[in-house]
Each structure stands twice: as structure tokens, then as C-alpha cells.
């Protein structure tokens, strides 16, 4: 899983932006750090064990758990 870690964090960042949950004016490194924290929280959630694609699971997690 570590081999695509950066891409998975990037996908999380993209989903956060698409859902209006992250300020696009925030510095890039701060946005990445926030997305990384949310992705790591996702990994330890019940959403990461779903039978859907990881992208869909991350999206479900963001919609349900991130405010």
C-alpha cells in the first residue's frame, strides 16, 4: 500500500476539494498535510474495509465523517 501512498493522499485531497471541505487558498503543504491526516483516519475506519473501490470508500468516508 505504501507504493501508491502519495497518490491516495492526492485522491483524498481531490475529493475534499470537490466536496468544498478544504480551502483552495490554503498553502499546498498545509492542504496535503490535512488530506494525509484524513486519509490516515480513513485507513483506521470501518469505511476502509468495504468491498467498493478505495476511491469510493474514501468518498463515502469524507461525506459521512468529515465536516
N, C-alpha and C. Protein backbone atom coordinates (compact mmCIF):
# COMPACT_ATOMS: atom_id res chain seq x y z
N UNK A 1 0.82 -1.19 0.00
CA UNK A 1 0.00 0.00 0.00
C UNK A 1 0.87 1.25 0.00
N UNK A 2 2.02 1.22 0.61
CA UNK A 2 2.89 2.39 0.68
C UNK A 2 3.35 2.85 -0.70
N UNK A 3 3.37 1.96 -1.69
CA UNK A 3 3.90 2.33 -3.00
C UNK A 3 3.05 3.39 -3.69
N UNK A 4 1.76 3.45 -3.41
CA UNK A 4 0.88 4.45 -4.01
C UNK A 4 0.35 5.43 -2.97
N UNK A 5 1.01 5.52 -1.85
CA UNK A 5 0.51 6.34 -0.74
C UNK A 5 0.28 7.79 -1.15
N UNK A 6 1.25 8.40 -1.80
CA UNK A 6 1.12 9.80 -2.20
C UNK A 6 -0.05 10.02 -3.14
N UNK A 7 -0.26 9.09 -4.06
CA UNK A 7 -1.40 9.20 -4.98
C UNK A 7 -2.72 9.08 -4.23
N UNK A 8 -2.77 8.21 -3.24
CA UNK A 8 -4.00 8.02 -2.46
C UNK A 8 -4.31 9.27 -1.63
N UNK A 9 -3.27 9.90 -1.09
CA UNK A 9 -3.47 11.16 -0.37
C UNK A 9 -3.94 12.23 -1.35
N UNK A 10 -3.35 12.26 -2.53
CA UNK A 10 -3.78 13.22 -3.56
C UNK A 10 -5.26 13.00 -3.91
N UNK A 11 -5.69 11.76 -4.06
CA UNK A 11 -7.11 11.48 -4.35
C UNK A 11 -7.99 11.98 -3.21
N UNK A 12 -7.54 11.80 -1.98
CA UNK A 12 -8.28 12.30 -0.82
C UNK A 12 -8.39 13.81 -0.90
N UNK A 13 -7.29 14.47 -1.22
CA UNK A 13 -7.29 15.93 -1.36
C UNK A 13 -8.28 16.36 -2.44
N UNK A 14 -8.26 15.68 -3.56
CA UNK A 14 -9.18 15.99 -4.66
C UNK A 14 -10.64 15.87 -4.20
N UNK A 15 -10.96 14.79 -3.50
CA UNK A 15 -12.32 14.59 -3.01
C UNK A 15 -12.72 15.65 -1.99
N UNK A 16 -11.79 16.05 -1.15
CA UNK A 16 -12.06 17.12 -0.19
C UNK A 16 -12.37 18.42 -0.91
N UNK A 17 -11.59 18.73 -1.94
CA UNK A 17 -11.83 19.94 -2.72
C UNK A 17 -13.17 19.89 -3.44
N UNK A 18 -13.48 18.76 -4.04
CA UNK A 18 -14.74 18.61 -4.78
C UNK A 18 -15.96 18.75 -3.88
N UNK A 19 -15.80 18.38 -2.62
CA UNK A 19 -16.90 18.47 -1.66
C UNK A 19 -16.88 19.78 -0.87
N UNK A 20 -16.01 20.70 -1.27
CA UNK A 20 -15.94 22.01 -0.63
C UNK A 20 -15.48 21.97 0.82
N UNK A 21 -14.66 20.99 1.16
CA UNK A 21 -14.25 20.81 2.55
C UNK A 21 -12.82 21.27 2.82
N UNK A 22 -12.19 21.82 1.82
CA UNK A 22 -10.83 22.31 2.01
C UNK A 22 -10.69 23.61 1.23
N UNK A 23 -10.03 24.56 1.83
CA UNK A 23 -9.86 25.88 1.21
C UNK A 23 -8.78 25.81 0.15
N UNK A 24 -9.15 26.09 -1.06
CA UNK A 24 -8.18 26.05 -2.17
C UNK A 24 -7.11 27.13 -2.04
N UNK A 25 -7.35 28.12 -1.20
CA UNK A 25 -6.37 29.19 -0.98
C UNK A 25 -5.34 28.81 0.08
N UNK A 26 -5.57 27.70 0.77
CA UNK A 26 -4.62 27.22 1.78
C UNK A 26 -3.32 26.82 1.08
N UNK A 27 -2.21 27.00 1.75
CA UNK A 27 -0.91 26.63 1.20
C UNK A 27 -0.91 25.14 0.82
N UNK A 28 -0.22 24.82 -0.25
CA UNK A 28 -0.19 23.44 -0.77
C UNK A 28 0.25 22.43 0.28
N UNK A 29 1.30 22.75 1.02
CA UNK A 29 1.79 21.79 2.02
C UNK A 29 0.77 21.60 3.14
N UNK A 30 0.04 22.65 3.50
CA UNK A 30 -0.99 22.53 4.54
C UNK A 30 -2.16 21.69 4.03
N UNK A 31 -2.54 21.88 2.77
CA UNK A 31 -3.63 21.09 2.18
C UNK A 31 -3.23 19.61 2.14
N UNK A 32 -2.00 19.34 1.73
CA UNK A 32 -1.53 17.95 1.67
C UNK A 32 -1.51 17.32 3.06
N UNK A 33 -1.01 18.04 4.05
CA UNK A 33 -0.97 17.52 5.42
C UNK A 33 -2.37 17.21 5.94
N UNK A 34 -3.34 18.07 5.67
CA UNK A 34 -4.71 17.83 6.08
C UNK A 34 -5.27 16.60 5.37
N UNK A 35 -5.04 16.50 4.06
CA UNK A 35 -5.52 15.34 3.30
C UNK A 35 -4.85 14.06 3.80
N UNK A 36 -3.58 14.13 4.14
CA UNK A 36 -2.87 12.96 4.66
C UNK A 36 -3.47 12.51 6.00
N UNK A 37 -3.77 13.47 6.88
CA UNK A 37 -4.38 13.13 8.16
C UNK A 37 -5.74 12.46 7.93
N UNK A 38 -6.54 13.02 7.06
CA UNK A 38 -7.87 12.45 6.79
C UNK A 38 -7.73 11.07 6.15
N UNK A 39 -6.79 10.90 5.24
CA UNK A 39 -6.58 9.59 4.62
C UNK A 39 -6.16 8.56 5.68
N UNK A 40 -5.26 8.93 6.57
CA UNK A 40 -4.84 8.00 7.63
C UNK A 40 -5.99 7.68 8.58
N UNK A 41 -6.83 8.66 8.87
CA UNK A 41 -8.03 8.40 9.69
C UNK A 41 -8.94 7.42 8.95
N UNK A 42 -9.09 7.62 7.66
CA UNK A 42 -9.90 6.71 6.83
C UNK A 42 -9.37 5.28 6.93
N UNK A 43 -8.06 5.12 6.85
CA UNK A 43 -7.46 3.78 6.89
C UNK A 43 -7.82 3.01 8.16
N UNK A 44 -8.06 3.74 9.24
CA UNK A 44 -8.38 3.11 10.52
C UNK A 44 -9.88 3.10 10.79
N UNK A 45 -10.66 3.40 9.78
CA UNK A 45 -12.11 3.44 9.94
C UNK A 45 -12.75 2.19 9.35
N UNK A 46 -14.02 2.03 9.63
CA UNK A 46 -14.78 0.91 9.06
C UNK A 46 -14.97 1.06 7.55
N UNK A 47 -14.81 2.26 7.04
CA UNK A 47 -15.01 2.51 5.62
C UNK A 47 -13.93 1.87 4.76
N UNK A 48 -12.75 1.67 5.30
CA UNK A 48 -11.64 1.13 4.50
C UNK A 48 -11.77 -0.37 4.25
N UNK A 49 -12.69 -1.02 4.91
CA UNK A 49 -12.86 -2.47 4.75
C UNK A 49 -14.00 -2.82 3.80
N UNK A 50 -14.52 -1.86 3.11
CA UNK A 50 -15.67 -2.06 2.23
C UNK A 50 -15.25 -2.81 0.97
N UNK A 51 -16.22 -3.37 0.27
CA UNK A 51 -15.96 -4.11 -0.96
C UNK A 51 -15.90 -3.22 -2.21
N UNK A 52 -16.14 -1.93 -2.05
CA UNK A 52 -16.05 -0.99 -3.18
C UNK A 52 -14.58 -0.65 -3.46
N UNK A 53 -14.38 0.15 -4.49
CA UNK A 53 -13.02 0.63 -4.76
C UNK A 53 -12.59 1.54 -3.62
N UNK A 54 -11.29 1.66 -3.43
CA UNK A 54 -10.80 2.52 -2.35
C UNK A 54 -11.25 3.96 -2.56
N UNK A 55 -11.25 4.43 -3.80
CA UNK A 55 -11.69 5.79 -4.10
C UNK A 55 -13.12 6.00 -3.62
N UNK A 56 -14.02 5.06 -3.93
CA UNK A 56 -15.41 5.16 -3.50
C UNK A 56 -15.53 5.10 -1.98
N UNK A 57 -14.70 4.28 -1.35
CA UNK A 57 -14.72 4.18 0.11
C UNK A 57 -14.25 5.48 0.75
N UNK A 58 -13.20 6.09 0.20
CA UNK A 58 -12.72 7.37 0.72
C UNK A 58 -13.81 8.42 0.55
N UNK A 59 -14.47 8.43 -0.59
CA UNK A 59 -15.55 9.38 -0.83
C UNK A 59 -16.68 9.19 0.18
N UNK A 60 -17.06 7.95 0.44
CA UNK A 60 -18.10 7.67 1.45
C UNK A 60 -17.67 8.16 2.82
N UNK A 61 -16.40 7.91 3.17
CA UNK A 61 -15.87 8.35 4.46
C UNK A 61 -15.94 9.87 4.58
N UNK A 62 -15.49 10.56 3.56
CA UNK A 62 -15.47 12.03 3.58
C UNK A 62 -16.91 12.56 3.73
N UNK A 63 -17.83 12.03 2.97
CA UNK A 63 -19.21 12.52 3.02
C UNK A 63 -19.85 12.26 4.38
N UNK A 64 -19.48 11.16 5.03
CA UNK A 64 -20.11 10.79 6.30
C UNK A 64 -19.38 11.34 7.53
N UNK A 65 -18.07 11.44 7.47
CA UNK A 65 -17.30 11.70 8.67
C UNK A 65 -16.57 13.04 8.72
N UNK A 66 -16.34 13.68 7.59
CA UNK A 66 -15.57 14.91 7.56
C UNK A 66 -16.53 16.09 7.43
N UNK A 67 -16.44 17.00 8.34
CA UNK A 67 -17.33 18.17 8.33
C UNK A 67 -16.54 19.43 8.09
